[in-house]
Amino acid sequence: MKLNNYDAISPVDGRYHKNTAELGPFFSEAALIRYRIKVEAAYFLALCNIPLPQLNSVSADAKKALEKLVNGETEIDIEAVKAIEAVTNHDVKAVEYYIKQNYESMLGHASEFIHFGLTSQDINNTAIPLATKDAVEQIMLPVLAQLRSKLASLAEEWRTIPLLAHTHGQPASPTGLGKEIAVFVERLDSQISQLKHIPWSAKFGGATGNFNAHYAAYPKINWVTFGNEFVASLGLHRSQITTQIEHYDNLAALFDCFKRVNTILVDLCRDMWTYISMNYFTQQVKKGEVGSSAMPHKVNPIDYENAEGNFGIANAVFEHLSAKLPVSRLQRDLTDSTVLRNAGVPFAHTLIALKSLLRGLDKITVNTATIAADLENNWAVVAEAIQTILRREAYPNPYEALKDLTRTGSKITSETLHNFIANLNVSDAVKQELMQFSPSTYVGMAMKFDQK
């Protein structure tokens, strides 16, 4: 029975498939096979370019055919590869046999140099970083950039809107709505920059990382230089001293960096959710949508909740990948193989979350009336400004004076504060200075934030 989206166990390939399908060319079983074939074919051509004397007879037509494999211009029969694997019970060997079977007529005995001197992890630990690199650069970073751009645009749009801040859930020194969004822009910028500077590492050095078979067959060739140049030609960096497998340290750094990105965005989701609950934002209603199965009035912040949930799942998997992959018994155990097959899962959940968050941000409008009313109802926050200026003026015990005023249990209003100021033993100029403050103007430099 052919699997459809409703039969899939994972929501990544089921309910959310429309949001994650673009990752298929990088993280699916078919994608892994294609990337393995790309590396195998590129490696054979690199051997031809040394040149190995036994490969001098390889024709130009054969090389062009293999170049098409490398460039993805030749369709791969995935079912045929899987049929070979059903016999070999070895996925990388199946790829080797597939290439041999399809190109042996063109290569003759030279076909034995397909997978020459290699172990499976030379292919896997080159193909998987390459596929991940392509996915991050072609899918993940552009969506992150889209989100960053959206947040930067909102920060600018809302730059001049004063906002009552809340520290520990209590009214605090006013801020700016735009500035609070700009906080997340800056945090994202920092992590995106780090993401772009993490090296893309690959392992390529034979069964236990020493080019044993290569050196035995051709001891006069500098195989380290060959390996470095070959891996670099694919856009990766070759780890120099390895066991059978890649260290995975840089891949772990990538996963950890995405975890930080996701954690920042969980923080954003929770802030947006809270602002919506405070009626600082209203959500646009889409005709036909239902907010609650029982309460017709509700417009739930589902996009932020969906995003938060998927960021959480992604981070749980990223955490396991980054903690597990750099650890292997002696020169290698097999645990990395099955774990690596899940590398696309946290990226898929991250992508679902990013798209959901973008949808949520597109739905909201600022409720300036509620924000203004909340500021007006919290004149006590101006006490900080008053006591600070009184400190400047060497007024005795200014903090304590304002503390006594604002902690009486009575509501602090503009009249309360203005009466307090009028009775202060300070100059008229200082009184006039203090009278100018209000919750909506006491915002410091919140509206002068800079965005690069």
Protein backbone atom coordinates (compact mmCIF):
# COMPACT_ATOMS: atom_id res chain seq x y z
CA MET A 1 0.00 0.00 0.00
CA LYS A 2 1.39 3.40 -0.94
CA LEU A 3 1.72 5.66 2.10
CA ASN A 4 -0.34 8.82 2.05
CA ASN A 5 -0.17 11.77 4.41
CA TYR A 6 -2.99 10.39 6.54
CA ASP A 7 -1.23 7.08 7.19
CA ALA A 8 2.14 8.54 8.21
CA ILE A 9 3.15 7.96 11.82
CA SER A 10 5.12 11.18 12.08
CA PRO A 11 3.17 14.44 11.67
CA VAL A 12 6.23 15.73 9.80
CA ASP A 13 5.27 13.44 6.91
CA GLY A 14 1.57 13.53 7.68
CA ARG A 15 -0.36 16.53 8.95
CA TYR A 16 2.49 18.98 8.31
CA HIS A 17 3.87 17.47 5.12
CA LYS A 18 2.96 20.54 3.06
CA ASN A 19 5.22 22.60 5.33
CA THR A 20 8.14 20.16 5.33
CA ALA A 21 8.15 18.67 1.81
CA GLU A 22 10.89 21.07 0.70
CA LEU A 23 13.29 19.29 3.07
CA GLY A 24 12.69 15.98 1.28
CA PRO A 25 15.47 16.54 -1.29
CA PHE A 26 17.98 16.76 1.57
CA PHE A 27 16.88 14.44 4.38
CA SER A 28 14.75 11.65 2.87
CA GLU A 29 15.99 8.13 2.13
CA ALA A 30 16.01 8.98 -1.57
CA ALA A 31 18.02 12.12 -0.85
CA LEU A 32 20.62 10.17 1.11
CA ILE A 33 20.99 7.74 -1.78
CA ARG A 34 21.40 10.58 -4.27
CA TYR A 35 24.01 12.34 -2.14
CA ARG A 36 25.91 9.08 -1.65
CA ILE A 37 25.95 8.52 -5.40
CA LYS A 38 27.14 12.10 -5.91
CA VAL A 39 30.09 11.53 -3.56
CA GLU A 40 30.96 8.12 -5.05
CA ALA A 41 30.93 9.47 -8.60
CA ALA A 42 32.88 12.60 -7.67
CA TYR A 43 35.47 10.44 -5.89
CA PHE A 44 35.96 8.22 -8.95
CA LEU A 45 36.49 11.28 -11.13
CA ALA A 46 39.00 12.65 -8.62
CA LEU A 47 40.94 9.38 -8.88
CA CYS A 48 40.93 9.79 -12.65
CA ASN A 49 42.36 13.28 -12.26
CA ILE A 50 45.36 12.19 -10.13
CA PRO A 51 45.69 10.36 -12.54
CA LEU A 52 45.88 6.72 -11.47
CA PRO A 53 47.49 4.79 -14.36
CA GLN A 54 44.75 2.15 -14.26
CA LEU A 55 42.20 4.87 -15.02
CA ASN A 56 43.92 6.34 -18.09
CA SER A 57 41.61 4.32 -20.29
CA VAL A 58 38.43 5.87 -18.92
CA SER A 59 36.81 7.61 -21.86
CA ALA A 60 35.69 11.21 -22.01
CA ASP A 61 32.13 10.00 -22.52
CA ALA A 62 32.30 7.92 -19.36
CA LYS A 63 33.60 10.89 -17.39
CA LYS A 64 30.82 13.11 -18.75
CA ALA A 65 28.26 10.51 -17.73
CA LEU A 66 29.67 10.42 -14.20
CA GLU A 67 29.78 14.22 -14.08
CA LYS A 68 26.05 14.21 -14.76
CA LEU A 69 25.64 11.94 -11.72
CA VAL A 70 27.64 14.40 -9.62
CA ASN A 71 25.59 17.36 -10.87
CA GLY A 72 22.26 15.60 -10.36
CA GLU A 73 21.46 15.62 -14.07
CA THR A 74 20.86 11.86 -14.26
CA GLU A 75 17.75 10.37 -12.70
CA ILE A 76 18.51 7.80 -10.02
CA ASP A 77 16.40 4.65 -9.86
CA ILE A 78 15.85 4.62 -6.11
CA GLU A 79 13.82 1.40 -6.25
CA ALA A 80 16.71 -0.34 -8.02
CA VAL A 81 19.14 0.75 -5.30
CA LYS A 82 16.78 -0.47 -2.59
CA ALA A 83 16.38 -3.79 -4.41
CA ILE A 84 20.16 -4.27 -4.31
CA GLU A 85 20.18 -3.33 -0.64
CA ALA A 86 17.55 -5.99 0.02
CA VAL A 87 20.16 -8.55 -1.10
CA THR A 88 23.33 -6.98 0.33
CA ASN A 89 21.69 -5.77 3.57
CA HIS A 90 24.15 -2.87 3.29
CA ASP A 91 22.99 0.53 2.09
CA VAL A 92 26.33 1.99 0.95
CA LYS A 93 27.40 -1.22 -0.80
CA ALA A 94 24.09 -1.09 -2.65
CA VAL A 95 25.03 2.36 -3.97
CA GLU A 96 28.43 1.08 -5.11
CA TYR A 97 26.84 -1.89 -6.91
CA TYR A 98 24.21 0.34 -8.50
CA ILE A 99 26.87 2.59 -10.06
CA LYS A 100 28.90 -0.42 -11.22
CA GLN A 101 25.89 -2.09 -12.81
CA ASN A 102 24.87 1.05 -14.66
CA TYR A 103 28.33 2.16 -15.82
CA GLU A 104 30.35 -1.05 -16.08
CA SER A 105 29.84 -1.19 -19.86
CA MET A 106 31.50 2.23 -20.14
CA LEU A 107 34.19 1.69 -17.51
CA GLY A 108 35.19 -1.94 -17.88
CA HIS A 109 37.73 -3.01 -15.24
CA ALA A 110 37.98 0.62 -14.10
CA SER A 111 34.59 0.14 -12.44
CA GLU A 112 36.47 -1.59 -9.58
CA PHE A 113 37.73 1.86 -8.60
CA ILE A 114 34.20 2.83 -7.61
CA HIS A 115 34.51 2.94 -3.79
CA PHE A 116 38.25 2.18 -4.09
CA GLY A 117 39.91 2.00 -0.65
CA LEU A 118 36.91 3.49 1.10
CA THR A 119 34.76 2.55 4.05
CA SER A 120 31.06 3.35 4.21
CA GLN A 121 31.61 6.31 6.50
CA ASP A 122 33.81 8.05 3.95
CA ILE A 123 30.66 8.25 1.88
CA ASN A 124 28.15 8.82 4.70
CA ASN A 125 30.24 11.37 6.58
CA THR A 126 30.67 13.34 3.38
CA ALA A 127 27.18 12.91 1.92
CA ILE A 128 25.28 13.76 5.12
CA PRO A 129 27.17 16.99 5.95
CA LEU A 130 26.83 18.01 2.30
CA ALA A 131 23.07 17.38 2.31
CA THR A 132 22.70 19.17 5.65
CA LYS A 133 24.73 22.11 4.38
CA ASP A 134 22.49 22.39 1.31
CA ALA A 135 19.34 22.18 3.45
CA VAL A 136 20.53 24.84 5.87
CA GLU A 137 21.72 27.21 3.15
CA GLN A 138 18.84 26.69 0.73
CA ILE A 139 15.88 26.24 3.11
CA MET A 140 16.53 26.99 6.78
CA LEU A 141 18.59 30.19 6.55
CA PRO A 142 16.26 31.83 3.99
CA VAL A 143 13.22 31.18 6.21
CA LEU A 144 15.13 32.48 9.23
CA ALA A 145 16.07 35.55 7.19
CA GLN A 146 12.39 36.01 6.29
CA LEU A 147 11.42 35.89 9.95
CA ARG A 148 14.24 38.24 10.92
CA SER A 149 13.12 40.68 8.21
CA LYS A 150 9.52 40.49 9.40
CA LEU A 151 10.52 41.23 12.99
CA ALA A 152 12.77 44.08 11.91
CA SER A 153 9.90 45.56 9.90
CA LEU A 154 7.51 45.33 12.86
CA ALA A 155 10.11 46.84 15.17
CA GLU A 156 10.40 49.83 12.85
CA GLU A 157 6.63 50.10 12.35
CA TRP A 158 6.07 50.10 16.12
CA ARG A 159 9.13 52.20 17.02
CA THR A 160 7.17 55.15 18.47
CA ILE A 161 4.60 53.17 20.49
CA PRO A 162 5.29 53.41 24.25
CA LEU A 163 4.62 50.23 26.19
CA LEU A 164 4.26 49.43 29.86
CA ALA A 165 7.03 46.99 30.70
CA HIS A 166 6.51 44.07 33.05
CA THR A 167 9.33 42.62 35.12
CA HIS A 168 8.38 39.66 37.29
CA GLY A 169 4.90 40.14 35.85
CA GLN A 170 4.59 43.53 37.57
CA PRO A 171 4.37 47.00 35.98
CA ALA A 172 7.87 48.35 35.39
CA SER A 173 9.67 51.26 33.73
CA PRO A 174 7.99 51.87 30.36
CA THR A 175 9.67 50.74 27.18
CA GLY A 176 8.85 50.82 23.48
CA LEU A 177 6.93 48.15 21.61
CA GLY A 178 9.29 48.38 18.65
CA LYS A 179 12.34 48.11 20.87
CA GLU A 180 11.01 44.97 22.53
CA ILE A 181 10.69 43.34 19.11
CA ALA A 182 14.14 44.64 18.15
CA VAL A 183 15.54 42.66 21.07
CA PHE A 184 14.67 39.48 19.21
CA VAL A 185 16.15 40.83 15.98
CA GLU A 186 19.48 41.38 17.70
CA ARG A 187 19.42 37.96 19.33
CA LEU A 188 18.65 36.28 16.01
CA ASP A 189 21.36 38.23 14.23
CA SER A 190 23.94 36.96 16.70
CA GLN A 191 22.95 33.31 16.31
CA ILE A 192 22.54 33.46 12.52
CA SER A 193 26.05 34.90 12.32
CA GLN A 194 27.35 32.01 14.40
CA LEU A 195 25.46 29.51 12.25
CA LYS A 196 27.16 30.84 9.15
CA HIS A 197 30.63 30.48 10.69
CA ILE A 198 30.38 26.85 11.81
CA PRO A 199 32.65 24.74 9.53
CA TRP A 200 31.09 22.00 7.44
CA SER A 201 33.28 19.05 8.28
CA ALA A 202 33.59 15.69 6.55
CA LYS A 203 35.56 12.53 7.22
CA PHE A 204 37.47 10.97 4.35
CA GLY A 205 40.36 8.64 5.15
CA GLY A 206 39.57 4.96 4.78
CA ALA A 207 38.53 2.25 7.23
CA THR A 208 40.04 3.79 10.37
CA GLY A 209 41.07 7.21 9.11
CA ASN A 210 44.63 6.35 8.01
CA PHE A 211 44.24 5.78 4.24
CA ASN A 212 45.53 2.26 4.92
CA ALA A 213 44.29 0.68 1.69
CA HIS A 214 45.11 3.73 -0.42
CA TYR A 215 48.66 3.87 0.90
CA ALA A 216 49.15 0.13 0.47
CA ALA A 217 48.15 0.29 -3.20
CA TYR A 218 49.84 3.61 -4.09
CA PRO A 219 52.42 4.56 -1.43
CA LYS A 220 53.90 7.41 -3.49
CA ILE A 221 50.66 9.41 -3.63
CA ASN A 222 50.03 12.01 -0.93
CA TRP A 223 46.59 10.78 0.04
CA VAL A 224 46.11 13.41 2.74
CA THR A 225 46.48 16.17 0.16
CA PHE A 226 44.21 14.26 -2.21
CA GLY A 227 41.55 13.85 0.49
CA ASN A 228 41.75 17.50 1.49
CA GLU A 229 41.39 18.72 -2.08
CA PHE A 230 38.60 16.27 -2.90
CA VAL A 231 36.49 17.18 0.13
CA ALA A 232 37.14 20.89 -0.48
CA SER A 233 35.88 20.48 -4.06
CA LEU A 234 32.53 19.50 -2.57
CA GLY A 235 32.42 22.64 -0.42
CA LEU A 236 33.35 20.88 2.83
CA HIS A 237 36.36 20.83 5.16
CA ARG A 238 38.14 17.50 5.75
CA SER A 239 38.79 16.60 9.40
CA GLN A 240 42.47 15.63 9.47
CA ILE A 241 42.91 13.03 12.20
CA THR A 242 39.90 10.77 12.61
CA THR A 243 38.75 7.29 13.49
CA GLN A 244 36.39 5.50 11.12
CA ILE A 245 33.89 8.31 11.54
CA GLU A 246 33.72 12.10 11.53
CA HIS A 247 34.13 13.71 14.96
CA TYR A 248 30.66 15.26 14.59
CA ASP A 249 31.81 18.14 16.82
CA ASN A 250 30.98 20.80 14.24
CA LEU A 251 27.69 19.09 13.39
CA ALA A 252 26.91 19.11 17.11
CA ALA A 253 27.76 22.83 17.16
CA LEU A 254 25.28 23.35 14.33
CA PHE A 255 22.54 21.50 16.21
CA ASP A 256 23.30 23.44 19.40
CA CYS A 257 23.18 26.74 17.54
CA PHE A 258 19.79 25.87 16.07
CA LYS A 259 18.70 25.00 19.59
CA ARG A 260 19.59 28.52 20.70
CA VAL A 261 17.73 30.01 17.73
CA ASN A 262 14.68 27.95 18.63
CA THR A 263 14.94 28.86 22.31
CA ILE A 264 15.01 32.56 21.41
CA LEU A 265 11.91 32.06 19.30
CA VAL A 266 10.13 30.14 22.07
CA ASP A 267 10.76 33.24 24.17
CA LEU A 268 9.21 35.37 21.41
CA CYS A 269 6.20 33.04 21.10
CA ARG A 270 5.52 33.25 24.83
CA ASP A 271 5.81 37.04 24.83
CA MET A 272 3.44 37.36 21.88
CA TRP A 273 1.01 34.92 23.51
CA THR A 274 1.09 36.99 26.71
CA TYR A 275 0.61 40.30 24.91
CA ILE A 276 -2.39 38.82 23.09
CA SER A 277 -3.84 37.65 26.42
CA MET A 278 -3.37 41.21 27.74
CA ASN A 279 -5.20 42.56 24.66
CA TYR A 280 -2.11 44.50 23.56
CA PHE A 281 -2.50 42.70 20.23
CA THR A 282 -5.64 41.61 18.46
CA GLN A 283 -5.68 38.78 15.93
CA GLN A 284 -7.29 39.03 12.54
CA VAL A 285 -10.16 36.62 12.20
CA LYS A 286 -10.21 34.39 9.13
CA LYS A 287 -13.69 33.64 7.85
CA GLY A 288 -14.75 30.06 8.56
CA GLU A 289 -12.14 29.40 11.25
CA VAL A 290 -13.21 28.15 14.68
CA GLY A 291 -11.30 29.19 17.80
CA SER A 292 -12.92 26.78 20.22
CA SER A 293 -15.25 23.80 19.77
CA ALA A 294 -17.32 25.03 22.73
CA MET A 295 -16.79 28.79 23.05
CA PRO A 296 -17.75 30.68 19.88
CA HIS A 297 -16.16 33.97 20.97
CA LYS A 298 -12.60 32.68 21.19
CA VAL A 299 -9.76 33.51 18.80
CA ASN A 300 -6.94 31.40 20.17
CA PRO A 301 -3.25 32.27 19.58
CA ILE A 302 -2.77 28.91 17.87
CA ASP A 303 0.10 29.93 15.60
CA TYR A 304 2.31 30.86 18.54
CA GLU A 305 1.29 27.74 20.47
CA ASN A 306 1.97 25.53 17.44
CA ALA A 307 5.33 27.20 16.92
CA GLU A 308 6.32 26.85 20.56
CA GLY A 309 5.41 23.16 20.59
CA ASN A 310 7.36 22.38 17.44
CA PHE A 311 10.39 24.39 18.56
CA GLY A 312 10.33 22.28 21.73
CA ILE A 313 10.23 18.97 19.87
CA ALA A 314 12.99 20.15 17.54
CA ASN A 315 15.19 21.09 20.47
CA ALA A 316 14.67 17.75 22.19
CA VAL A 317 15.97 15.97 19.09
CA PHE A 318 18.74 18.51 18.48
CA GLU A 319 19.82 17.93 22.08
CA HIS A 320 20.07 14.18 21.58
CA LEU A 321 21.93 14.53 18.30
CA SER A 322 24.49 16.99 19.66
CA ALA A 323 25.06 14.97 22.84
CA LYS A 324 25.20 11.54 21.23
CA LEU A 325 27.00 11.91 17.89
CA PRO A 326 30.43 13.05 19.19
CA VAL A 327 30.60 9.94 21.42
CA SER A 328 31.55 6.56 19.93
CA ARG A 329 33.30 3.47 21.32
CA LEU A 330 36.95 3.20 20.28
CA GLN A 331 37.29 3.66 16.53
CA ARG A 332 33.53 3.45 15.95
CA ASP A 333 30.28 1.82 16.94
CA LEU A 334 27.10 1.81 14.87
CA THR A 335 24.95 4.07 17.03
CA ASP A 336 25.73 7.13 14.93
CA SER A 337 24.21 5.55 11.82
CA THR A 338 20.65 5.18 13.06
CA VAL A 339 20.79 8.50 14.91
CA LEU A 340 21.98 10.38 11.81
CA ARG A 341 18.96 9.15 9.90
CA ASN A 342 16.92 11.43 12.14
CA ALA A 343 18.96 14.56 11.37
CA GLY A 344 16.17 15.94 9.24
CA VAL A 345 13.51 15.54 11.94
CA PRO A 346 14.45 18.55 14.11
CA PHE A 347 14.93 20.70 11.02
CA ALA A 348 11.44 19.71 9.90
CA HIS A 349 9.90 20.65 13.24
CA THR A 350 11.89 23.89 13.23
CA LEU A 351 10.60 24.68 9.75
CA ILE A 352 7.00 23.96 10.82
CA ALA A 353 7.48 26.30 13.78
CA LEU A 354 9.08 29.09 11.73
CA LYS A 355 6.23 29.06 9.22
CA SER A 356 3.64 28.99 11.99
CA LEU A 357 5.31 31.93 13.73
CA LEU A 358 5.37 33.91 10.48
CA ARG A 359 1.64 33.24 10.04
CA GLY A 360 1.00 34.47 13.56
CA LEU A 361 2.95 37.66 13.03
CA ASP A 362 1.00 38.35 9.85
CA LYS A 363 -2.31 38.15 11.76
CA ILE A 364 -1.79 40.66 14.54
CA THR A 365 -2.58 44.33 14.88
CA VAL A 366 -1.59 46.60 17.75
CA ASN A 367 -4.35 47.59 20.17
CA THR A 368 -3.00 51.07 20.94
CA ALA A 369 -6.02 51.97 23.07
CA THR A 370 -5.39 49.13 25.53
CA ILE A 371 -1.67 49.86 25.64
CA ALA A 372 -2.28 53.55 26.31
CA ALA A 373 -4.86 52.78 28.99
CA ASP A 374 -2.48 50.41 30.75
CA LEU A 375 0.18 53.09 30.82
CA GLU A 376 -2.26 55.69 32.17
CA ASN A 377 -3.36 53.30 34.93
CA ASN A 378 0.20 52.83 36.17
CA TRP A 379 1.58 56.21 37.14
CA ALA A 380 3.60 54.56 39.90
CA VAL A 381 6.25 53.57 37.33
CA VAL A 382 7.28 57.23 37.07
CA ALA A 383 8.53 57.01 40.67
CA GLU A 384 11.86 55.69 39.38
CA ALA A 385 12.46 58.86 37.38
CA ILE A 386 11.51 61.09 40.31
CA GLN A 387 13.72 59.38 42.89
CA THR A 388 16.67 59.24 40.48
CA ILE A 389 16.56 62.99 39.79
CA LEU A 390 16.14 63.66 43.50
CA ARG A 391 19.31 61.62 44.08
CA ARG A 392 21.03 63.87 41.56
CA GLU A 393 19.84 66.88 43.55
CA ALA A 394 21.14 65.41 46.85
CA TYR A 395 17.59 65.24 48.24
CA PRO A 396 17.59 63.22 51.49
CA ASN A 397 16.42 59.59 51.22
CA PRO A 398 14.65 59.95 47.86
CA TYR A 399 14.20 56.21 47.28
CA GLU A 400 12.59 55.76 50.65
CA ALA A 401 10.32 58.76 50.11
CA LEU A 402 9.00 57.36 46.86
CA LYS A 403 8.75 53.89 48.37
CA ASP A 404 6.55 55.23 51.16
CA LEU A 405 4.39 57.05 48.63
CA THR A 406 3.89 54.17 46.19
CA ARG A 407 3.44 51.30 48.63
CA THR A 408 0.50 52.66 50.62
CA GLY A 409 -1.94 50.38 48.85
CA SER A 410 -3.73 53.33 47.33
CA LYS A 411 -3.78 53.80 43.58
CA ILE A 412 -1.11 56.18 42.33
CA THR A 413 -2.44 58.69 39.81
CA SER A 414 -1.01 61.70 38.02
CA GLU A 415 -2.61 63.86 40.68
CA THR A 416 -0.95 61.86 43.46
CA LEU A 417 2.50 62.28 41.96
CA HIS A 418 2.02 65.92 41.03
CA ASN A 419 0.92 66.76 44.56
CA PHE A 420 3.96 64.93 45.89
CA ILE A 421 6.25 66.87 43.55
CA ALA A 422 4.63 70.19 44.42
CA ASN A 423 5.43 69.67 48.10
CA LEU A 424 9.07 68.71 47.61
CA ASN A 425 11.73 70.97 49.04
CA VAL A 426 13.46 71.51 45.71
CA SER A 427 13.74 74.37 43.24
CA ASP A 428 10.91 75.28 40.89
CA ALA A 429 13.09 74.26 37.96
CA VAL A 430 13.49 70.73 39.34
CA LYS A 431 9.77 70.54 40.07
CA GLN A 432 9.02 71.57 36.51
CA GLU A 433 11.44 68.91 35.26
CA LEU A 434 9.72 66.22 37.35
CA MET A 435 6.25 67.32 36.27
CA GLN A 436 7.09 66.53 32.63
CA PHE A 437 7.27 62.80 33.20
CA SER A 438 4.34 60.49 32.50
CA PRO A 439 4.12 56.75 31.89
CA SER A 440 3.93 57.32 28.13
CA THR A 441 6.93 59.70 28.00
CA TYR A 442 9.22 58.05 30.54
CA VAL A 443 10.69 55.64 27.97
CA GLY A 444 14.36 56.61 28.05
CA MET A 445 16.05 55.71 24.76
CA ALA A 446 13.59 52.94 23.91
CA MET A 447 12.59 54.63 20.66
CA LYS A 448 16.18 55.30 19.57
CA PHE A 449 17.27 51.67 19.16
CA ASP A 450 19.44 50.90 16.17
CA GLN A 451 18.95 48.08 13.68
CA LYS A 452 21.81 47.09 11.44
